[in-house]
Protein backbone atom coordinates (compact mmCIF):
# COMPACT_ATOMS: atom_id res chain seq x y z
CA MET A 1 -23.57 -14.28 6.15
CA ASP A 2 -23.12 -16.24 2.97
CA LYS A 3 -20.44 -18.78 2.77
CA LEU A 4 -17.91 -19.61 0.21
CA LEU A 5 -16.47 -23.09 -0.71
CA VAL A 6 -12.96 -22.88 -2.64
CA ARG A 7 -12.39 -26.23 -4.60
CA ASN A 8 -9.11 -27.36 -5.87
CA LEU A 9 -6.31 -25.04 -4.58
CA GLU A 10 -3.00 -26.00 -4.79
CA PRO A 11 -1.25 -27.43 -1.33
CA GLU A 12 1.26 -24.57 -1.54
CA VAL A 13 -1.84 -21.90 -1.56
CA VAL A 14 -3.47 -24.01 1.27
CA GLN A 15 -0.27 -23.80 3.25
CA ALA A 16 1.09 -20.09 2.68
CA LEU A 17 -2.38 -19.29 4.03
CA LYS A 18 -2.08 -21.08 7.05
CA ARG A 19 1.24 -19.48 7.43
CA ARG A 20 0.00 -16.47 6.85
CA ALA A 21 -2.98 -16.64 9.56
CA ALA A 22 -0.45 -18.17 11.78
CA GLN A 23 1.69 -15.12 11.31
CA HIS A 24 -1.14 -12.76 12.29
CA GLY A 25 -3.31 -14.70 15.18
CA HIS A 26 -5.95 -15.97 13.18
CA SER A 27 -7.31 -19.16 11.56
CA ALA A 28 -6.87 -20.25 7.86
CA GLU A 29 -10.79 -19.20 7.56
CA ALA A 30 -10.37 -15.71 9.36
CA GLU A 31 -7.58 -15.14 6.91
CA HIS A 32 -9.00 -15.95 3.80
CA ARG A 33 -11.67 -13.40 4.86
CA GLU A 34 -9.33 -10.88 5.59
CA ILE A 35 -7.61 -11.28 2.21
CA LEU A 36 -10.75 -11.41 -0.01
CA LYS A 37 -11.80 -8.05 1.77
CA GLN A 38 -8.87 -6.45 1.18
CA ALA A 39 -8.68 -7.60 -2.51
CA LEU A 40 -12.41 -6.41 -2.99
CA LEU A 41 -13.03 -4.33 -1.20
CA GLY A 42 -9.67 -2.20 -1.13
CA PRO A 43 -8.65 0.44 0.77
CA LYS A 44 -10.40 3.71 0.96
CA LYS A 45 -9.11 6.28 -1.13
CA ARG A 46 -7.49 8.90 0.91
CA THR A 47 -8.39 12.72 -0.24
CA PHE A 48 -5.25 15.37 -1.04
CA ALA A 49 -5.19 16.72 2.33
CA GLN A 50 -4.88 13.67 4.02
CA VAL A 51 -2.08 12.30 1.26
CA LEU A 52 -0.39 15.75 2.36
CA LYS A 53 -0.52 15.36 5.83
CA ALA A 54 0.81 11.80 5.49
CA MET A 55 4.07 12.95 3.75
CA PRO A 56 7.23 13.15 6.05
CA ASN A 57 9.06 16.34 7.13
CA VAL A 58 11.88 16.47 4.69
CA GLY A 59 12.94 20.09 5.28
CA GLU A 60 12.77 23.58 5.74
CA ASP A 61 11.21 25.56 2.55
CA SER A 62 14.69 27.21 2.25
CA ASP A 63 16.52 23.81 1.60
CA PHE A 64 14.51 23.73 -1.41
CA GLU A 65 14.84 27.25 -3.22
CA ARG A 66 16.11 27.36 -6.68
CA VAL A 67 19.56 28.68 -7.18
CA GLU A 68 19.75 30.43 -10.65
CA ASP A 69 23.35 29.60 -12.37
CA PRO A 70 23.64 32.88 -14.78
CA GLU A 71 26.03 30.41 -17.56
CA SER A 72 22.93 28.00 -17.74
CA ARG A 73 20.36 30.89 -19.31
CA ASP A 74 22.34 30.58 -22.60
CA VAL A 75 21.78 27.21 -22.90
CA PHE A 76 18.20 27.81 -23.93
CA ALA A 77 18.64 31.36 -25.41
């Protein structure tokens, strides 16, 4: 494993890192590694099927049926 040294950080950044690490039950060093991993490697792309499966159930198909309004047909004529 390689090492990384970050110099000249503002004290506010260091304190924010320590707070975030404490919230996650990590050391500041472990939290720093996790932040870098997420920022640089990012989440894996999901397939279209995975995205569809993750969508919540919001109703039945009949809830979204199109209702024709006979008066609205003249608008585009």
